[in-house]
C-alpha cells in the first residue's frame, strides 16, 4: 500500500455516513448485502446511498456484484487489512530505532 491509496481510503471513511455504511458491510460478512437491504438498514434514500457507495467502490473498500436483478455490496477485506496494516506497520518504529541505537556500543 502507498500513501496515496491510504489517504484516499481514509478520506472516504472520513464521513460518518460512509463509515456507517462500511461498518455495516464489514459486519455482514463475505455474503455482503443487497443494496435494498443496506438501504433499509441505513434508513436513507437510494440516491444518497448510491452516492456514498460509489466513493467506497472507487477507493477499493467495497465491491459490487450483480446477481440477476440484485446488486450485492461487499466489504473488500483484503483492502481493509492492507489499510490497517499500513497504519500499524510503522507503530513505534522511531522509538525502537532509538532504543537499538542507544544499545549499540560506542
PDB file of N, CA and C in Angstrom:
ATOM      1  N   UNK A   1       0.852  -1.176   0.000  1.00  0.00           N
ATOM      2  CA  UNK A   1       0.000   0.000   0.000  1.00  0.00           C
ATOM      3  C   UNK A   1       0.892   1.231   0.000  1.00  0.00           C
ATOM      4  N   UNK A   2       0.452   2.250  -0.731  1.00  0.00           N
ATOM      5  CA  UNK A   2       1.195   3.510  -0.741  1.00  0.00           C
ATOM      6  C   UNK A   2       0.374   4.595  -0.041  1.00  0.00           C
ATOM      7  N   UNK A   3       1.008   5.702   0.203  1.00  0.00           N
ATOM      8  CA  UNK A   3       0.374   6.767   0.977  1.00  0.00           C
ATOM      9  C   UNK A   3      -0.831   7.373   0.243  1.00  0.00           C
ATOM     10  N   UNK A   4      -0.790   7.403  -1.100  1.00  0.00           N
ATOM     11  CA  UNK A   4      -1.906   7.967  -1.852  1.00  0.00           C
ATOM     12  C   UNK A   4      -3.161   7.096  -1.701  1.00  0.00           C
ATOM     13  N   UNK A   5      -2.985   5.785  -1.796  1.00  0.00           N
ATOM     14  CA  UNK A   5      -4.124   4.872  -1.638  1.00  0.00           C
ATOM     15  C   UNK A   5      -4.678   4.960  -0.226  1.00  0.00           C
ATOM     16  N   UNK A   6      -3.792   4.934   0.756  1.00  0.00           N
ATOM     17  CA  UNK A   6      -4.236   5.030   2.154  1.00  0.00           C
ATOM     18  C   UNK A   6      -4.979   6.340   2.388  1.00  0.00           C
ATOM     19  N   UNK A   7      -4.476   7.413   1.835  1.00  0.00           N
ATOM     20  CA  UNK A   7      -5.107   8.717   2.013  1.00  0.00           C
ATOM     21  C   UNK A   7      -6.506   8.746   1.402  1.00  0.00           C
ATOM     22  N   UNK A   8      -6.665   8.187   0.198  1.00  0.00           N
ATOM     23  CA  UNK A   8      -7.986   8.153  -0.449  1.00  0.00           C
ATOM     24  C   UNK A   8      -8.968   7.306   0.362  1.00  0.00           C
ATOM     25  N   UNK A   9      -8.499   6.161   0.845  1.00  0.00           N
ATOM     26  CA  UNK A   9      -9.378   5.291   1.615  1.00  0.00           C
ATOM     27  C   UNK A   9      -9.773   5.938   2.937  1.00  0.00           C
ATOM     28  N   UNK A  10      -8.826   6.540   3.616  1.00  0.00           N
ATOM     29  CA  UNK A  10      -9.144   7.208   4.881  1.00  0.00           C
ATOM     30  C   UNK A  10     -10.067   8.394   4.659  1.00  0.00           C
ATOM     31  N   UNK A  11      -9.864   9.106   3.553  1.00  0.00           N
ATOM     32  CA  UNK A  11     -10.752  10.218   3.227  1.00  0.00           C
ATOM     33  C   UNK A  11     -12.181   9.713   2.991  1.00  0.00           C
ATOM     34  N   UNK A  12     -12.303   8.600   2.274  1.00  0.00           N
ATOM     35  CA  UNK A  12     -13.633   8.032   2.025  1.00  0.00           C
ATOM     36  C   UNK A  12     -14.308   7.623   3.326  1.00  0.00           C
ATOM     37  N   UNK A  13     -13.546   7.096   4.250  1.00  0.00           N
ATOM     38  CA  UNK A  13     -14.103   6.674   5.534  1.00  0.00           C
ATOM     39  C   UNK A  13     -14.254   7.831   6.511  1.00  0.00           C
ATOM     40  N   UNK A  14     -13.782   9.007   6.121  1.00  0.00           N
ATOM     41  CA  UNK A  14     -13.820  10.175   6.995  1.00  0.00           C
ATOM     42  C   UNK A  14     -15.189  10.815   7.143  1.00  0.00           C
ATOM     43  N   UNK A  15     -16.136  10.379   6.383  1.00  0.00           N
ATOM     44  CA  UNK A  15     -17.514  10.875   6.501  1.00  0.00           C
ATOM     45  C   UNK A  15     -18.296   9.885   7.358  1.00  0.00           C
ATOM     46  N   UNK A  16     -18.988  10.363   8.387  1.00  0.00           N
ATOM     47  CA  UNK A  16     -19.722   9.451   9.279  1.00  0.00           C
ATOM     48  C   UNK A  16     -20.684   8.510   8.548  1.00  0.00           C
ATOM     49  N   UNK A  17     -21.366   9.010   7.532  1.00  0.00           N
ATOM     50  CA  UNK A  17     -22.318   8.166   6.806  1.00  0.00           C
ATOM     51  C   UNK A  17     -21.607   7.030   6.091  1.00  0.00           C
ATOM     52  N   UNK A  18     -20.493   7.346   5.421  1.00  0.00           N
ATOM     53  CA  UNK A  18     -19.755   6.299   4.713  1.00  0.00           C
ATOM     54  C   UNK A  18     -19.145   5.302   5.691  1.00  0.00           C
ATOM     55  N   UNK A  19     -18.680   5.775   6.815  1.00  0.00           N
ATOM     56  CA  UNK A  19     -18.124   4.865   7.811  1.00  0.00           C
ATOM     57  C   UNK A  19     -19.210   3.928   8.334  1.00  0.00           C
ATOM     58  N   UNK A  20     -20.415   4.442   8.551  1.00  0.00           N
ATOM     59  CA  UNK A  20     -21.529   3.583   8.992  1.00  0.00           C
ATOM     60  C   UNK A  20     -21.869   2.539   7.930  1.00  0.00           C
ATOM     61  N   UNK A  21     -21.896   2.946   6.678  1.00  0.00           N
ATOM     62  CA  UNK A  21     -22.169   2.008   5.585  1.00  0.00           C
ATOM     63  C   UNK A  21     -21.088   0.932   5.554  1.00  0.00           C
ATOM     64  N   UNK A  22     -19.846   1.349   5.620  1.00  0.00           N
ATOM     65  CA  UNK A  22     -18.727   0.403   5.553  1.00  0.00           C
ATOM     66  C   UNK A  22     -18.769  -0.572   6.718  1.00  0.00           C
ATOM     67  N   UNK A  23     -18.985  -0.078   7.907  1.00  0.00           N
ATOM     68  CA  UNK A  23     -19.063  -0.962   9.084  1.00  0.00           C
ATOM     69  C   UNK A  23     -20.214  -1.944   8.960  1.00  0.00           C
ATOM     70  N   UNK A  24     -21.323  -1.503   8.405  1.00  0.00           N
ATOM     71  CA  UNK A  24     -22.460  -2.397   8.202  1.00  0.00           C
ATOM     72  C   UNK A  24     -22.081  -3.522   7.239  1.00  0.00           C
ATOM     73  N   UNK A  25     -21.353  -3.187   6.171  1.00  0.00           N
ATOM     74  CA  UNK A  25     -20.922  -4.207   5.224  1.00  0.00           C
ATOM     75  C   UNK A  25     -19.860  -5.121   5.826  1.00  0.00           C
ATOM     76  N   UNK A  26     -18.974  -4.580   6.623  1.00  0.00           N
ATOM     77  CA  UNK A  26     -17.963  -5.408   7.293  1.00  0.00           C
ATOM     78  C   UNK A  26     -18.655  -6.411   8.203  1.00  0.00           C
ATOM     79  N   UNK A  27     -19.650  -5.960   8.938  1.00  0.00           N
ATOM     80  CA  UNK A  27     -20.389  -6.839   9.847  1.00  0.00           C
ATOM     81  C   UNK A  27     -21.172  -7.906   9.095  1.00  0.00           C
ATOM     82  N   UNK A  28     -21.586  -7.612   7.867  1.00  0.00           N
ATOM     83  CA  UNK A  28     -22.403  -8.547   7.091  1.00  0.00           C
ATOM     84  C   UNK A  28     -21.621  -9.791   6.665  1.00  0.00           C
ATOM     85  N   UNK A  29     -20.318  -9.699   6.631  1.00  0.00           N
ATOM     86  CA  UNK A  29     -19.512 -10.847   6.231  1.00  0.00           C
ATOM     87  C   UNK A  29     -19.340 -10.943   4.730  1.00  0.00           C
ATOM     88  N   UNK A  30     -18.809 -12.083   4.302  1.00  0.00           N
ATOM     89  CA  UNK A  30     -18.451 -12.247   2.891  1.00  0.00           C
ATOM     90  C   UNK A  30     -19.654 -12.336   1.966  1.00  0.00           C
ATOM     91  N   UNK A  31     -20.820 -12.669   2.483  1.00  0.00           N
ATOM     92  CA  UNK A  31     -22.025 -12.723   1.644  1.00  0.00           C
ATOM     93  C   UNK A  31     -22.458 -11.330   1.215  1.00  0.00           C
ATOM     94  N   UNK A  32     -22.113 -10.311   1.985  1.00  0.00           N
ATOM     95  CA  UNK A  32     -22.491  -8.948   1.665  1.00  0.00           C
ATOM     96  C   UNK A  32     -23.976  -8.716   1.874  1.00  0.00           C
ATOM     97  N   UNK A  33     -24.425  -7.582   1.372  1.00  0.00           N
ATOM     98  CA  UNK A  33     -25.833  -7.195   1.490  1.00  0.00           C
ATOM     99  C   UNK A  33     -26.311  -6.647   0.151  1.00  0.00           C
ATOM    100  N   UNK A  34     -27.556  -6.880  -0.139  1.00  0.00           N
ATOM    101  CA  UNK A  34     -28.130  -6.251  -1.328  1.00  0.00           C
ATOM    102  C   UNK A  34     -28.263  -4.758  -1.053  1.00  0.00           C
ATOM    103  N   UNK A  35     -28.298  -3.979  -2.110  1.00  0.00           N
ATOM    104  CA  UNK A  35     -28.456  -2.540  -1.946  1.00  0.00           C
ATOM    105  C   UNK A  35     -29.760  -2.239  -1.216  1.00  0.00           C
ATOM    106  N   UNK A  36     -30.815  -2.990  -1.527  1.00  0.00           N
ATOM    107  CA  UNK A  36     -32.104  -2.768  -0.866  1.00  0.00           C
ATOM    108  C   UNK A  36     -32.040  -3.009   0.628  1.00  0.00           C
ATOM    109  N   UNK A  37     -31.389  -4.097   1.022  1.00  0.00           N
ATOM    110  CA  UNK A  37     -31.235  -4.395   2.453  1.00  0.00           C
ATOM    111  C   UNK A  37     -30.379  -3.345   3.129  1.00  0.00           C
ATOM    112  N   UNK A  38     -29.302  -2.958   2.464  1.00  0.00           N
ATOM    113  CA  UNK A  38     -28.424  -1.923   3.018  1.00  0.00           C
ATOM    114  C   UNK A  38     -29.187  -0.612   3.167  1.00  0.00           C
ATOM    115  N   UNK A  39     -29.997  -0.281   2.188  1.00  0.00           N
ATOM    116  CA  UNK A  39     -30.792   0.949   2.254  1.00  0.00           C
ATOM    117  C   UNK A  39     -31.752   0.910   3.437  1.00  0.00           C
ATOM    118  N   UNK A  40     -32.389  -0.234   3.664  1.00  0.00           N
ATOM    119  CA  UNK A  40     -33.285  -0.374   4.817  1.00  0.00           C
ATOM    120  C   UNK A  40     -32.527  -0.202   6.124  1.00  0.00           C
ATOM    121  N   UNK A  41     -31.382  -0.852   6.231  1.00  0.00           N
ATOM    122  CA  UNK A  41     -30.602  -0.765   7.476  1.00  0.00           C
ATOM    123  C   UNK A  41     -30.081   0.638   7.733  1.00  0.00           C
ATOM    124  N   UNK A  42     -29.736   1.333   6.662  1.00  0.00           N
ATOM    125  CA  UNK A  42     -29.183   2.672   6.812  1.00  0.00           C
ATOM    126  C   UNK A  42     -30.284   3.734   6.910  1.00  0.00           C
ATOM    127  N   UNK A  43     -31.485   3.383   6.513  1.00  0.00           N
ATOM    128  CA  UNK A  43     -32.624   4.312   6.525  1.00  0.00           C
ATOM    129  C   UNK A  43     -32.282   5.610   5.794  1.00  0.00           C
ATOM    130  N   UNK A  44     -31.890   5.445   4.522  1.00  0.00           N
ATOM    131  CA  UNK A  44     -31.553   6.627   3.720  1.00  0.00           C
ATOM    132  C   UNK A  44     -32.076   6.445   2.302  1.00  0.00           C
ATOM    133  N   UNK A  45     -32.287   7.549   1.616  1.00  0.00           N
ATOM    134  CA  UNK A  45     -32.755   7.474   0.233  1.00  0.00           C
ATOM    135  C   UNK A  45     -31.748   6.733  -0.660  1.00  0.00           C
ATOM    136  N   UNK A  46     -32.261   6.083  -1.674  1.00  0.00           N
ATOM    137  CA  UNK A  46     -31.416   5.319  -2.595  1.00  0.00           C
ATOM    138  C   UNK A  46     -30.337   6.190  -3.233  1.00  0.00           C
ATOM    139  N   UNK A  47     -30.678   7.412  -3.602  1.00  0.00           N
ATOM    140  CA  UNK A  47     -29.700   8.284  -4.260  1.00  0.00           C
ATOM    141  C   UNK A  47     -28.544   8.644  -3.324  1.00  0.00           C
ATOM    142  N   UNK A  48     -28.842   8.850  -2.065  1.00  0.00           N
ATOM    143  CA  UNK A  48     -27.799   9.167  -1.078  1.00  0.00           C
ATOM    144  C   UNK A  48     -26.898   7.958  -0.870  1.00  0.00           C
ATOM    145  N   UNK A  49     -27.505   6.788  -0.716  1.00  0.00           N
ATOM    146  CA  UNK A  49     -26.732   5.561  -0.542  1.00  0.00           C
ATOM    147  C   UNK A  49     -25.844   5.316  -1.753  1.00  0.00           C
ATOM    148  N   UNK A  50     -26.393   5.492  -2.937  1.00  0.00           N
ATOM    149  CA  UNK A  50     -25.636   5.295  -4.173  1.00  0.00           C
ATOM    150  C   UNK A  50     -24.419   6.209  -4.232  1.00  0.00           C
ATOM    151  N   UNK A  51     -24.603   7.449  -3.851  1.00  0.00           N
ATOM    152  CA  UNK A  51     -23.506   8.430  -3.839  1.00  0.00           C
ATOM    153  C   UNK A  51     -22.376   7.952  -2.925  1.00  0.00           C
ATOM    154  N   UNK A  52     -22.718   7.515  -1.738  1.00  0.00           N
ATOM    155  CA  UNK A  52     -21.697   7.083  -0.778  1.00  0.00           C
ATOM    156  C   UNK A  52     -21.060   5.758  -1.191  1.00  0.00           C
ATOM    157  N   UNK A  53     -21.850   4.842  -1.702  1.00  0.00           N
ATOM    158  CA  UNK A  53     -21.296   3.564  -2.162  1.00  0.00           C
ATOM    159  C   UNK A  53     -20.314   3.771  -3.308  1.00  0.00           C
ATOM    160  N   UNK A  54     -20.630   4.693  -4.202  1.00  0.00           N
ATOM    161  CA  UNK A  54     -19.738   4.976  -5.333  1.00  0.00           C
ATOM    162  C   UNK A  54     -18.343   5.341  -4.836  1.00  0.00           C
ATOM    163  N   UNK A  55     -18.284   6.162  -3.833  1.00  0.00           N
ATOM    164  CA  UNK A  55     -16.983   6.582  -3.293  1.00  0.00           C
ATOM    165  C   UNK A  55     -16.240   5.406  -2.665  1.00  0.00           C
ATOM    166  N   UNK A  56     -16.948   4.557  -1.942  1.00  0.00           N
ATOM    167  CA  UNK A  56     -16.318   3.390  -1.314  1.00  0.00           C
ATOM    168  C   UNK A  56     -15.843   2.392  -2.365  1.00  0.00           C
ATOM    169  N   UNK A  57     -16.598   2.249  -3.440  1.00  0.00           N
ATOM    170  CA  UNK A  57     -16.191   1.364  -4.528  1.00  0.00           C
ATOM    171  C   UNK A  57     -14.961   1.930  -5.236  1.00  0.00           C
ATOM    172  N   UNK A  58     -14.959   3.226  -5.511  1.00  0.00           N
ATOM    173  CA  UNK A  58     -13.828   3.877  -6.197  1.00  0.00           C
ATOM    174  C   UNK A  58     -12.517   3.705  -5.443  1.00  0.00           C
ATOM    175  N   UNK A  59     -12.581   3.658  -4.132  1.00  0.00           N
ATOM    176  CA  UNK A  59     -11.354   3.537  -3.340  1.00  0.00           C
ATOM    177  C   UNK A  59     -10.972   2.081  -3.074  1.00  0.00           C
ATOM    178  N   UNK A  60     -11.789   1.137  -3.557  1.00  0.00           N
ATOM    179  CA  UNK A  60     -11.459  -0.271  -3.403  1.00  0.00           C
ATOM    180  C   UNK A  60     -11.866  -0.892  -2.084  1.00  0.00           C
ATOM    181  N   UNK A  61     -12.582  -0.149  -1.262  1.00  0.00           N
ATOM    182  CA  UNK A  61     -13.000  -0.676   0.033  1.00  0.00           C
ATOM    183  C   UNK A  61     -14.245  -1.550  -0.068  1.00  0.00           C
ATOM    184  N   UNK A  62     -15.029  -1.350  -1.121  1.00  0.00           N
ATOM    185  CA  UNK A  62     -16.276  -2.092  -1.328  1.00  0.00           C
ATOM    186  C   UNK A  62     -16.316  -2.563  -2.772  1.00  0.00           C
ATOM    187  N   UNK A  63     -16.875  -3.755  -2.976  1.00  0.00           N
ATOM    188  CA  UNK A  63     -17.115  -4.243  -4.334  1.00  0.00           C
ATOM    189  C   UNK A  63     -18.607  -4.462  -4.499  1.00  0.00           C
ATOM    190  N   UNK A  64     -19.026  -4.460  -5.745  1.00  0.00           N
ATOM    191  CA  UNK A  64     -20.431  -4.701  -6.054  1.00  0.00           C
ATOM    192  C   UNK A  64     -20.506  -5.782  -7.129  1.00  0.00           C
ATOM    193  N   UNK A  65     -21.492  -6.660  -6.977  1.00  0.00           N
ATOM    194  CA  UNK A  65     -21.700  -7.735  -7.938  1.00  0.00           C
ATOM    195  C   UNK A  65     -23.189  -7.829  -8.235  1.00  0.00           C
ATOM    196  N   UNK A  66     -23.509  -7.884  -9.532  1.00  0.00           N
ATOM    197  CA  UNK A  66     -24.898  -8.035  -9.914  1.00  0.00           C
ATOM    198  C   UNK A  66     -25.216  -9.522  -9.984  1.00  0.00           C
ATOM    199  N   UNK A  67     -26.244  -9.927  -9.243  1.00  0.00           N
ATOM    200  CA  UNK A  67     -26.746 -11.297  -9.261  1.00  0.00           C
ATOM    201  C   UNK A  67     -28.200 -11.203  -9.710  1.00  0.00           C
ATOM    202  N   UNK A  68     -28.434 -11.576 -10.973  1.00  0.00           N
ATOM    203  CA  UNK A  68     -29.754 -11.403 -11.602  1.00  0.00           C
ATOM    204  C   UNK A  68     -30.122  -9.920 -11.540  1.00  0.00           C
ATOM    205  N   UNK A  69     -31.157  -9.574 -10.818  1.00  0.00           N
ATOM    206  CA  UNK A  69     -31.573  -8.166 -10.744  1.00  0.00           C
ATOM    207  C   UNK A  69     -31.129  -7.499  -9.447  1.00  0.00           C
ATOM    208  N   UNK A  70     -30.359  -8.206  -8.648  1.00  0.00           N
ATOM    209  CA  UNK A  70     -29.951  -7.686  -7.333  1.00  0.00           C
ATOM    210  C   UNK A  70     -28.485  -7.267  -7.363  1.00  0.00           C
ATOM    211  N   UNK A  71     -28.209  -6.102  -6.810  1.00  0.00           N
ATOM    212  CA  UNK A  71     -26.839  -5.626  -6.692  1.00  0.00           C
ATOM    213  C   UNK A  71     -26.364  -5.908  -5.269  1.00  0.00           C
ATOM    214  N   UNK A  72     -25.332  -6.748  -5.149  1.00  0.00           N
ATOM    215  CA  UNK A  72     -24.781  -7.138  -3.850  1.00  0.00           C
ATOM    216  C   UNK A  72     -23.528  -6.309  -3.571  1.00  0.00           C
ATOM    217  N   UNK A  73     -23.467  -5.747  -2.387  1.00  0.00           N
ATOM    218  CA  UNK A  73     -22.306  -4.964  -1.951  1.00  0.00           C
ATOM    219  C   UNK A  73     -21.550  -5.755  -0.900  1.00  0.00           C
ATOM    220  N   UNK A  74     -20.227  -5.752  -1.021  1.00  0.00           N
ATOM    221  CA  UNK A  74     -19.387  -6.474  -0.068  1.00  0.00           C
ATOM    222  C   UNK A  74     -18.198  -5.604   0.342  1.00  0.00           C
ATOM    223  N   UNK A  75     -17.843  -5.700   1.604  1.00  0.00           N
ATOM    224  CA  UNK A  75     -16.605  -5.078   2.059  1.00  0.00           C
ATOM    225  C   UNK A  75     -15.446  -5.865   1.464  1.00  0.00           C
ATOM    226  N   UNK A  76     -14.446  -5.176   1.003  1.00  0.00           N
ATOM    227  CA  UNK A  76     -13.240  -5.823   0.480  1.00  0.00           C
ATOM    228  C   UNK A  76     -12.260  -5.992   1.644  1.00  0.00           C
ATOM    229  N   UNK A  77     -12.280  -7.182   2.238  1.00  0.00           N
ATOM    230  CA  UNK A  77     -11.467  -7.434   3.431  1.00  0.00           C
ATOM    231  C   UNK A  77      -9.968  -7.316   3.174  1.00  0.00           C
ATOM    232  N   UNK A  78      -9.448  -7.744   2.016  1.00  0.00           N
ATOM    233  CA  UNK A  78      -8.012  -7.534   1.777  1.00  0.00           C
ATOM    234  C   UNK A  78      -7.633  -6.052   1.789  1.00  0.00           C
ATOM    235  N   UNK A  79      -8.496  -5.199   1.235  1.00  0.00           N
ATOM    236  CA  UNK A  79      -8.223  -3.752   1.245  1.00  0.00           C
ATOM    237  C   UNK A  79      -8.259  -3.215   2.669  1.00  0.00           C
ATOM    238  N   UNK A  80      -9.226  -3.692   3.458  1.00  0.00           N
ATOM    239  CA  UNK A  80      -9.315  -3.270   4.852  1.00  0.00           C
ATOM    240  C   UNK A  80      -8.061  -3.698   5.615  1.00  0.00           C
ATOM    241  N   UNK A  81      -7.643  -4.930   5.415  1.00  0.00           N
ATOM    242  CA  UNK A  81      -6.450  -5.438   6.103  1.00  0.00           C
ATOM    243  C   UNK A  81      -5.203  -4.667   5.686  1.00  0.00           C
ATOM    244  N   UNK A  82      -5.124  -4.351   4.399  1.00  0.00           N
ATOM    245  CA  UNK A  82      -3.964  -3.594   3.916  1.00  0.00           C
ATOM    246  C   UNK A  82      -3.914  -2.205   4.546  1.00  0.00           C
ATOM    247  N   UNK A  83      -5.061  -1.558   4.658  1.00  0.00           N
ATOM    248  CA  UNK A  83      -5.108  -0.221   5.264  1.00  0.00           C
ATOM    249  C   UNK A  83      -4.741  -0.278   6.739  1.00  0.00           C
ATOM    250  N   UNK A  84      -5.302  -1.229   7.444  1.00  0.00           N
ATOM    251  CA  UNK A  84      -4.974  -1.379   8.868  1.00  0.00           C
ATOM    252  C   UNK A  84      -3.488  -1.700   9.028  1.00  0.00           C
ATOM    253  N   UNK A  85      -2.994  -2.588   8.190  1.00  0.00           N
ATOM    254  CA  UNK A  85      -1.573  -2.935   8.242  1.00  0.00           C
ATOM    255  C   UNK A  85      -0.678  -1.752   7.950  1.00  0.00           C
ATOM    256  N   UNK A  86      -1.072  -0.954   6.967  1.00  0.00           N
ATOM    257  CA  UNK A  86      -0.291   0.227   6.616  1.00  0.00           C
ATOM    258  C   UNK A  86      -0.169   1.167   7.812  1.00  0.00           C
ATOM    259  N   UNK A  87      -1.262   1.320   8.534  1.00  0.00           N
ATOM    260  CA  UNK A  87      -1.254   2.199   9.704  1.00  0.00           C
ATOM    261  C   UNK A  87      -0.461   1.597  10.859  1.00  0.00           C
ATOM    262  N   UNK A  88      -0.567   0.295  11.034  1.00  0.00           N
ATOM    263  CA  UNK A  88       0.059  -0.355  12.185  1.00  0.00           C
ATOM    264  C   UNK A  88       1.532  -0.690  11.959  1.00  0.00           C
ATOM    265  N   UNK A  89       1.953  -0.874  10.710  1.00  0.00           N
ATOM    266  CA  UNK A  89       3.327  -1.306  10.423  1.00  0.00           C
ATOM    267  C   UNK A  89       4.387  -0.376  10.996  1.00  0.00           C
ATOM    268  N   UNK A  90       4.115   0.870  11.036  1.00  0.00           N
ATOM    269  CA  UNK A  90       5.109   1.839  11.497  1.00  0.00           C
ATOM    270  C   UNK A  90       4.975   2.181  12.983  1.00  0.00           C
ATOM    271  N   UNK A  91       4.107   1.458  13.665  1.00  0.00           N
ATOM    272  CA  UNK A  91       3.879   1.753  15.074  1.00  0.00           C
ATOM    273  C   UNK A  91       5.183   1.695  15.865  1.00  0.00           C
ATOM    274  N   UNK A  92       5.504   2.802  16.474  1.00  0.00           N
ATOM    275  CA  UNK A  92       6.656   2.924  17.378  1.00  0.00           C
ATOM    276  C   UNK A  92       7.993   2.673  16.693  1.00  0.00           C
ATOM    277  N   UNK A  93       8.051   2.753  15.361  1.00  0.00           N
ATOM    278  CA  UNK A  93       9.286   2.466  14.631  1.00  0.00           C
ATOM    279  C   UNK A  93      10.432   3.381  15.066  1.00  0.00           C
ATOM    280  N   UNK A  94      10.172   4.657  15.236  1.00  0.00           N
ATOM    281  CA  UNK A  94      11.239   5.573  15.647  1.00  0.00           C
ATOM    282  C   UNK A  94      11.706   5.273  17.064  1.00  0.00           C
ATOM    283  N   UNK A  95      10.782   4.934  17.922  1.00  0.00           N
ATOM    284  CA  UNK A  95      11.129   4.606  19.300  1.00  0.00           C
ATOM    285  C   UNK A  95      12.059   3.394  19.352  1.00  0.00           C
ATOM    286  N   UNK A  96      11.720   2.366  18.578  1.00  0.00           N
ATOM    287  CA  UNK A  96      12.540   1.155  18.561  1.00  0.00           C
ATOM    288  C   UNK A  96      13.909   1.416  17.928  1.00  0.00           C
ATOM    289  N   UNK A  97      13.952   2.277  16.927  1.00  0.00           N
ATOM    290  CA  UNK A  97      15.220   2.616  16.288  1.00  0.00           C
ATOM    291  C   UNK A  97      16.129   3.345  17.271  1.00  0.00           C
ATOM    292  N   UNK A  98      15.542   4.251  18.063  1.00  0.00           N
ATOM    293  CA  UNK A  98      16.335   4.969  19.054  1.00  0.00           C
ATOM    294  C   UNK A  98      16.857   4.017  20.134  1.00  0.00           C
ATOM    295  N   UNK A  99      16.038   3.057  20.544  1.00  0.00           N
ATOM    296  CA  UNK A  99      16.450   2.077  21.547  1.00  0.00           C
ATOM    297  C   UNK A  99      17.603   1.229  21.005  1.00  0.00           C
ATOM    298  N   UNK A 100      17.502   0.802  19.740  1.00  0.00           N
ATOM    299  CA  UNK A 100      18.544  -0.015  19.136  1.00  0.00           C
ATOM    300  C   UNK A 100      19.845   0.771  19.022  1.00  0.00           C
ATOM    301  N   UNK A 101      19.731   2.048  18.651  1.00  0.00           N
ATOM    302  CA  UNK A 101      20.924   2.867  18.513  1.00  0.00           C
ATOM    303  C   UNK A 101      21.554   3.109  19.880  1.00  0.00           C
ATOM    304  N   UNK A 102      20.756   3.305  20.914  1.00  0.00           N
ATOM    305  CA  UNK A 102      21.288   3.529  22.259  1.00  0.00           C
ATOM    306  C   UNK A 102      21.962   2.268  22.799  1.00  0.00           C
ATOM    307  N   UNK A 103      21.523   1.111  22.363  1.00  0.00           N
ATOM    308  CA  UNK A 103      22.091  -0.151  22.855  1.00  0.00           C
ATOM    309  C   UNK A 103      23.408  -0.514  22.171  1.00  0.00           C
ATOM    310  N   UNK A 104      23.720   0.134  21.061  1.00  0.00           N
ATOM    311  CA  UNK A 104      24.961  -0.151  20.338  1.00  0.00           C
ATOM    312  C   UNK A 104      26.150   0.396  21.130  1.00  0.00           C
ATOM    313  N   UNK A 105      27.219  -0.399  21.155  1.00  0.00           N
ATOM    314  CA  UNK A 105      28.423   0.101  21.843  1.00  0.00           C
ATOM    315  C   UNK A 105      29.049   1.247  21.037  1.00  0.00           C
ATOM    316  N   UNK A 106      29.562   2.196  21.737  1.00  0.00           N
ATOM    317  CA  UNK A 106      30.162   3.378  21.076  1.00  0.00           C
ATOM    318  C   UNK A 106      31.548   3.112  20.615  1.00  0.00           C
TER     319      UNK A 106
END
